[in-house]
Protein backbone atom coordinates (compact mmCIF):
# COMPACT_ATOMS: atom_id res chain seq x y z
CA MET A 1 -0.15 -0.18 0.18
CA ASP A 2 2.05 2.78 -1.31
CA ALA A 3 -0.85 5.37 0.35
CA LEU A 4 0.44 4.36 3.38
CA HIS A 5 4.21 6.23 3.60
CA GLY A 6 3.12 9.70 5.10
CA THR A 7 5.57 12.35 5.96
CA GLU A 8 6.96 10.02 9.23
CA SER A 9 9.03 7.44 9.15
CA HIS A 10 7.84 3.78 9.85
CA ALA A 11 10.82 3.69 13.09
CA ARG A 12 8.54 6.67 14.53
CA SER A 13 5.60 5.65 14.30
CA ILE A 14 6.26 2.81 15.92
CA VAL A 15 8.19 4.56 18.55
CA LYS A 16 5.47 7.00 19.40
CA ALA A 17 3.25 3.54 19.21
CA ILE A 18 5.42 1.60 22.22
CA SER A 19 5.44 4.80 23.89
CA TRP A 20 1.95 5.37 24.22
CA ARG A 21 0.48 2.07 24.53
CA THR A 22 3.52 1.76 27.45
CA MET A 23 0.99 4.90 29.46
CA GLY A 24 -1.90 3.38 28.13
CA THR A 25 -0.75 -0.48 29.18
CA ILE A 26 -0.06 0.77 33.12
CA ASP A 27 -3.31 2.49 33.12
CA THR A 28 -5.10 -1.25 31.80
CA PHE A 29 -2.82 -2.78 34.86
CA VAL A 30 -4.33 -0.34 37.82
CA ILE A 31 -7.42 -0.34 36.63
CA SER A 32 -7.55 -4.61 35.92
CA TRP A 33 -5.56 -5.07 39.18
CA PHE A 34 -8.38 -2.84 41.40
CA LEU A 35 -11.84 -3.83 39.92
CA THR A 36 -10.12 -8.00 40.01
CA GLY A 37 -7.67 -7.62 42.75
CA ARG A 38 -5.67 -10.52 40.93
CA LEU A 39 -2.38 -9.32 40.03
CA THR A 40 -1.30 -12.07 37.48
CA LEU A 41 -4.91 -11.84 36.08
CA ALA A 42 -4.22 -7.30 35.74
CA GLY A 43 -0.54 -8.42 33.98
CA SER A 44 -2.42 -11.07 31.68
CA ILE A 45 -4.99 -8.02 30.93
CA ALA A 46 -2.28 -5.83 30.09
CA ALA A 47 -0.35 -8.10 28.67
CA LEU A 48 -2.76 -8.85 25.30
CA GLU A 49 -3.92 -5.24 25.33
CA PHE A 50 -0.51 -3.76 24.73
CA ALA A 51 0.45 -6.08 22.20
CA THR A 52 -2.94 -5.63 20.06
CA LYS A 53 -3.28 -2.19 20.03
CA ILE A 54 0.40 -1.23 19.18
CA ALA A 55 -0.74 -2.83 16.17
CA TRP A 56 -3.74 -0.72 15.74
CA PHE A 57 -2.04 2.61 16.94
CA TYR A 58 0.80 1.60 14.15
CA LEU A 59 -1.68 1.15 11.23
CA HIS A 60 -3.95 4.42 12.70
CA GLU A 61 -0.78 6.40 11.99
CA ARG A 62 0.30 5.49 9.08
CA ILE A 63 -3.65 6.26 7.33
CA TRP A 64 -3.84 9.42 9.71
CA ALA A 65 -0.18 10.44 7.97
CA MET A 66 -1.24 10.04 4.65
CA ILE A 67 -4.77 12.62 5.33
CA GLN A 68 -3.49 16.53 4.46
CA TRP A 69 -6.53 17.42 6.44
CA GLY A 70 -6.16 19.76 9.00
CA ARG A 71 -2.19 20.23 8.61
CA LYS A 72 -0.87 23.78 8.15
CA PRO A 73 1.15 24.35 5.09
CA TYR A 74 5.10 24.57 5.76
């Protein structure tokens, strides 16, 4: 898909996805632990959420990278 080449590098999108998901996963872990009272279950939920949402965020970033709407010209 040539349209996914936007203005940011793939490496930048991946690093952004990982940093954002790390923050979100800590939040998910704390909420899961609070709701279940089980540390291992909270860890499992957080780990699964981390992996799946990195992939979704990366795809989301690449799609938005090719949309010109809302960008200011240089």
